[in-house]
Amino acid sequence: MVKHVKSRRGFAAMNPETQKRIASLGGKAAHKQGVAHQWDAKAAAEAGRIGGRVSRGGRGRLVPVEPVLRSKHYPQP
């Protein structure tokens, strides 16, 4: 039986240093064009709060859906 091995293409075929260099150039270009996302402390805190509400608490516990629906992103009718 003949094994078919997929050949690596694109970024997968590059060494990690080359991948990092190319990715860095993309990030720098986005900032130069003014289209890169920039977090401020308030936006980061809100994102973390929302992520914490919808997570399982890190130990497989389900968090009730109710608190998430009361956030400012999901206004109540």
Protein backbone atom coordinates (compact mmCIF):
# COMPACT_ATOMS: atom_id res chain seq x y z
CA MET A 1 0.00 0.00 0.00
CA VAL A 2 1.34 3.43 -0.96
CA LYS A 3 1.08 6.25 1.57
CA HIS A 4 0.21 9.66 0.23
CA VAL A 5 1.72 12.43 2.31
CA LYS A 6 0.37 15.93 1.84
CA SER A 7 3.09 18.36 0.92
CA ARG A 8 3.29 21.57 2.87
CA ARG A 9 2.30 24.71 1.03
CA GLY A 10 2.33 28.42 1.77
CA PHE A 11 3.19 29.39 5.34
CA ALA A 12 3.37 25.74 6.42
CA ALA A 13 6.33 25.20 4.08
CA MET A 14 8.29 28.14 5.52
CA ASN A 15 10.57 28.09 8.50
CA PRO A 16 9.24 29.90 11.61
CA GLU A 17 11.58 32.88 11.21
CA THR A 18 10.34 33.56 7.67
CA GLN A 19 6.71 33.23 8.79
CA LYS A 20 7.31 35.71 11.60
CA ARG A 21 9.05 38.21 9.31
CA ILE A 22 6.22 38.16 6.75
CA ALA A 23 3.51 38.40 9.43
CA SER A 24 5.34 41.33 11.00
CA LEU A 25 5.40 43.17 7.68
CA GLY A 26 1.64 42.70 7.36
CA GLY A 27 1.03 44.12 10.82
CA LYS A 28 3.27 47.10 10.19
CA ALA A 29 1.52 47.81 6.89
CA ALA A 30 -1.90 47.73 8.56
CA HIS A 31 -0.79 50.23 11.21
CA LYS A 32 0.76 52.47 8.56
CA GLN A 33 -2.53 52.48 6.61
CA GLY A 34 -4.49 53.17 9.78
CA VAL A 35 -6.66 50.05 9.48
CA ALA A 36 -5.15 48.01 12.33
CA HIS A 37 -7.26 47.46 15.44
CA GLN A 38 -5.99 49.24 18.53
CA TRP A 39 -7.30 48.36 21.97
CA ASP A 40 -7.74 50.90 24.71
CA ALA A 41 -8.02 49.80 28.34
CA LYS A 42 -11.80 50.24 28.44
CA ALA A 43 -12.46 48.18 25.28
CA ALA A 44 -10.08 45.44 26.43
CA ALA A 45 -11.76 45.25 29.84
CA GLU A 46 -15.21 44.97 28.26
CA ALA A 47 -14.04 42.25 25.87
CA GLY A 48 -12.53 40.32 28.76
CA ARG A 49 -15.71 40.69 30.79
CA ILE A 50 -17.85 39.36 27.92
CA GLY A 51 -15.44 36.51 27.26
CA GLY A 52 -15.44 35.57 30.92
CA ARG A 53 -19.22 35.46 31.00
CA VAL A 54 -19.54 33.12 28.04
CA SER A 55 -16.68 30.83 29.03
CA ARG A 56 -17.14 27.68 31.04
CA GLY A 57 -15.08 29.09 33.87
CA GLY A 58 -12.02 27.05 32.92
CA ARG A 59 -13.19 23.86 34.59
CA GLY A 60 -16.02 22.63 32.40
CA ARG A 61 -18.71 24.46 34.38
CA LEU A 62 -21.54 25.89 32.37
CA VAL A 63 -22.29 29.51 33.11
CA PRO A 64 -25.98 30.49 33.10
CA VAL A 65 -26.99 32.26 29.89
CA GLU A 66 -29.02 34.94 31.70
CA PRO A 67 -26.10 37.22 32.80
CA VAL A 68 -24.70 37.40 29.26
CA LEU A 69 -28.02 38.52 27.86
CA ARG A 70 -28.13 41.46 30.27
CA SER A 71 -24.93 43.06 29.01
CA LYS A 72 -25.01 46.31 27.05
CA HIS A 73 -24.36 44.34 23.85
CA TYR A 74 -27.62 42.40 24.25
CA PRO A 75 -30.22 44.93 25.40
CA GLN A 76 -33.37 43.55 26.98
CA PRO A 77 -36.70 44.32 25.24
